[in-house]
C-alpha atoms as a PDB file:
ATOM      1  CA  MET A   1     101.298  70.883 137.646  1.00  0.00           C
ATOM      2  CA  MET A   2     104.419  72.763 136.315  1.00  0.00           C
ATOM      3  CA  GLY A   3     104.415  70.411 133.091  1.00  0.00           C
ATOM      4  CA  GLY A   4     101.122  72.004 132.250  1.00  0.00           C
ATOM      5  CA  PHE A   5     101.898  75.607 132.916  1.00  0.00           C
ATOM      6  CA  GLU A   6     105.380  75.214 130.768  1.00  0.00           C
ATOM      7  CA  GLU A   7     103.097  73.610 128.036  1.00  0.00           C
ATOM      8  CA  LEU A   8     100.739  76.791 128.144  1.00  0.00           C
ATOM      9  CA  GLN A   9     103.362  79.190 127.960  1.00  0.00           C
ATOM     10  CA  LYS A  10     105.090  77.508 124.884  1.00  0.00           C
ATOM     11  CA  ILE A  11     101.493  77.250 123.126  1.00  0.00           C
ATOM     12  CA  GLN A  12     101.105  81.255 124.186  1.00  0.00           C
ATOM     13  CA  LYS A  13     104.614  81.891 122.820  1.00  0.00           C
ATOM     14  CA  ASP A  14     104.056  79.864 119.482  1.00  0.00           C
ATOM     15  CA  ASN A  15     100.596  81.870 118.932  1.00  0.00           C
ATOM     16  CA  SER A  16     102.332  85.352 119.718  1.00  0.00           C
ATOM     17  CA  GLU A  17     105.103  84.489 117.004  1.00  0.00           C
ATOM     18  CA  MET A  18     102.306  83.335 114.596  1.00  0.00           C
ATOM     19  CA  VAL A  19     100.375  86.662 115.023  1.00  0.00           C
ATOM     20  CA  MET A  20     103.541  88.537 114.695  1.00  0.00           C
ATOM     21  CA  GLU A  21     104.502  86.979 111.350  1.00  0.00           C
ATOM     22  CA  SER A  22     100.889  87.601 110.254  1.00  0.00           C
ATOM     23  CA  ILE A  23     100.950  91.410 111.118  1.00  0.00           C
ATOM     24  CA  SER A  24     104.577  91.722 109.518  1.00  0.00           C
ATOM     25  CA  ALA A  25     103.167  90.143 106.174  1.00  0.00           C
ATOM     26  CA  LEU A  26     100.034  92.214 106.505  1.00  0.00           C
ATOM     27  CA  SER A  27     102.374  95.494 107.221  1.00  0.00           C
ATOM     28  CA  LYS A  28     104.777  94.581 104.239  1.00  0.00           C
ATOM     29  CA  GLY A  29     101.726  93.847 101.825  1.00  0.00           C
ATOM     30  CA  MET A  30     100.050  97.370 102.837  1.00  0.00           C
ATOM     31  CA  GLN A  31     103.076  99.050 102.163  1.00  0.00           C
ATOM     32  CA  ALA A  32     103.613  97.509  98.632  1.00  0.00           C
ATOM     33  CA  VAL A  33      99.919  98.465  98.101  1.00  0.00           C
ATOM     34  CA  SER A  34     100.587 102.015  99.239  1.00  0.00           C
ATOM     35  CA  ASN A  35     103.495 102.244  96.818  1.00  0.00           C
ATOM     36  CA  GLU A  36     101.743 100.892  94.021  1.00  0.00           C
ATOM     37  CA  LEU A  37      98.902 103.391  94.403  1.00  0.00           C
ATOM     38  CA  SER A  38     101.162 106.358  94.677  1.00  0.00           C
ATOM     39  CA  GLU A  39     103.054 105.352  91.618  1.00  0.00           C
ATOM     40  CA  TYR A  40      99.495 105.044  89.863  1.00  0.00           C
ATOM     41  CA  GLN A  41      98.543 108.328  91.114  1.00  0.00           C
ATOM     42  CA  LYS A  42     101.544 110.065  89.927  1.00  0.00           C
ATOM     43  CA  LYS A  43     101.211 108.359  86.550  1.00  0.00           C
ATOM     44  CA  SER A  44      97.636 108.951  86.226  1.00  0.00           C
ATOM     45  CA  TRP A  45      98.044 113.012  87.095  1.00  0.00           C
ATOM     46  CA  LYS A  46     100.841 113.171  84.268  1.00  0.00           C
ATOM     47  CA  GLU A  47      98.659 111.527  81.972  1.00  0.00           C
ATOM     48  CA  SER A  48      95.538 113.664  82.686  1.00  0.00           C
ATOM     49  CA  SER A  49      97.747 116.913  82.343  1.00  0.00           C
ATOM     50  CA  ASP A  50      99.227 115.959  79.073  1.00  0.00           C
ATOM     51  CA  ALA A  51      95.673 115.048  77.988  1.00  0.00           C
ATOM     52  CA  MET A  52      94.545 118.784  79.259  1.00  0.00           C
ATOM     53  CA  SER A  53      97.466 120.144  77.330  1.00  0.00           C
ATOM     54  CA  ALA A  54      96.638 117.934  74.235  1.00  0.00           C
ATOM     55  CA  VAL A  55      92.844 119.056  74.286  1.00  0.00           C
ATOM     56  CA  MET A  56      93.889 123.028  74.805  1.00  0.00           C
ATOM     57  CA  GLY A  57      96.332 123.004  72.240  1.00  0.00           C
ATOM     58  CA  ALA A  58      93.960 121.158  69.766  1.00  0.00           C
ATOM     59  CA  GLY A  59      93.584 123.507  66.612  1.00  0.00           C
ATOM     60  CA  THR A  60      89.842 122.367  65.884  1.00  0.00           C
ATOM     61  CA  LEU A  61      87.060 121.112  67.682  1.00  0.00           C
ATOM     62  CA  ASP A  62      87.314 117.579  66.144  1.00  0.00           C
ATOM     63  CA  LYS A  63      90.845 117.337  67.235  1.00  0.00           C
ATOM     64  CA  ALA A  64      90.189 118.235  70.803  1.00  0.00           C
ATOM     65  CA  PHE A  65      87.453 115.634  71.004  1.00  0.00           C
ATOM     66  CA  GLU A  66      89.669 113.152  69.546  1.00  0.00           C
ATOM     67  CA  ALA A  67      92.203 113.995  72.069  1.00  0.00           C
ATOM     68  CA  GLN A  68      89.736 113.777  75.067  1.00  0.00           C
ATOM     69  CA  ASN A  69      88.475 110.292  73.634  1.00  0.00           C
ATOM     70  CA  SER A  70      91.826 109.093  73.591  1.00  0.00           C
ATOM     71  CA  TYR A  71      92.784 109.882  77.148  1.00  0.00           C
ATOM     72  CA  ALA A  72      89.374 108.524  78.321  1.00  0.00           C
ATOM     73  CA  LYS A  73      90.250 105.338  76.566  1.00  0.00           C
ATOM     74  CA  SER A  74      93.264 104.954  78.004  1.00  0.00           C
ATOM     75  CA  SER A  75      92.485 106.096  81.313  1.00  0.00           C
ATOM     76  CA  TYR A  76      89.988 103.553  81.721  1.00  0.00           C
ATOM     77  CA  GLU A  77      92.168 100.839  80.359  1.00  0.00           C
ATOM     78  CA  ASN A  78      94.994 102.065  82.933  1.00  0.00           C
ATOM     79  CA  PHE A  79      92.573 101.995  85.679  1.00  0.00           C
ATOM     80  CA  VAL A  80      91.331  98.323  84.848  1.00  0.00           C
ATOM     81  CA  THR A  81      94.552  97.159  84.928  1.00  0.00           C
ATOM     82  CA  GLU A  82      95.940  98.750  87.920  1.00  0.00           C
ATOM     83  CA  MET A  83      92.794  97.398  89.834  1.00  0.00           C
ATOM     84  CA  THR A  84      93.436  94.072  88.521  1.00  0.00           C
ATOM     85  CA  LYS A  85      97.152  94.382  89.993  1.00  0.00           C
ATOM     86  CA  LEU A  86      95.807  95.572  93.211  1.00  0.00           C
ATOM     87  CA  GLY A  87      93.540  92.651  93.316  1.00  0.00           C
ATOM     88  CA  GLU A  88      96.262  90.501  92.857  1.00  0.00           C
ATOM     89  CA  MET A  89      98.579  92.026  95.303  1.00  0.00           C
ATOM     90  CA  TYR A  90      95.634  91.960  98.125  1.00  0.00           C
ATOM     91  CA  SER A  91      95.273  88.435  97.229  1.00  0.00           C
ATOM     92  CA  GLU A  92      99.139  87.519  97.864  1.00  0.00           C
ATOM     93  CA  MET A  93      98.813  89.511 101.111  1.00  0.00           C
ATOM     94  CA  ALA A  94      95.916  87.302 102.568  1.00  0.00           C
ATOM     95  CA  LYS A  95      97.640  84.275 101.452  1.00  0.00           C
ATOM     96  CA  ASP A  96     100.927  85.564 103.084  1.00  0.00           C
ATOM     97  CA  ALA A  97      99.283  86.610 106.119  1.00  0.00           C
ATOM     98  CA  TYR A  98      97.438  83.333 106.688  1.00  0.00           C
ATOM     99  CA  LYS A  99     100.821  81.165 106.235  1.00  0.00           C
ATOM    100  CA  PRO A 100     101.808  81.230 109.792  1.00  0.00           C
ATOM    101  CA  PHE A 101      98.412  79.681 110.540  1.00  0.00           C
ATOM    102  CA  SER A 102      98.641  77.056 108.196  1.00  0.00           C
ATOM    103  CA  ASN A 103      99.817  74.276 110.452  1.00  0.00           C
ATOM    104  CA  ILE A 104      97.157  74.612 112.944  1.00  0.00           C
ATOM    105  CA  MET A 105      94.200  75.141 110.394  1.00  0.00           C
ATOM    106  CA  PRO A 106      95.054  72.421 107.808  1.00  0.00           C
ATOM    107  CA  GLU A 107      91.348  71.782 107.013  1.00  0.00           C
ATOM    108  CA  ALA A 108      91.083  75.336 105.895  1.00  0.00           C
ATOM    109  CA  LYS A 109      93.424  74.761 102.928  1.00  0.00           C
ATOM    110  CA  LYS A 110      90.822  72.579 101.140  1.00  0.00           C
END
């Protein structure tokens, strides 16, 4: 009877360790995503401010439209690039969070 209890305790300890490793990976991943979003926000805010200055300082209506169009294009490109990067970060975070469980669920690797 004691052998079964000790085995159960070992299984519970191993499972707890796997869960903690997974939570740690998720925590690190979310911190990295948060930092990335913060940097993107700062960059976006500066570019927006610079674009507003360029539009307001344009001498003609054509130059103002050109500055606004340039900002809109670069803003969209930066957004797509950032969302792609964040998607990759989330994917890596999910893989890292799964790693502790990969030994007990080998059929999920397929």
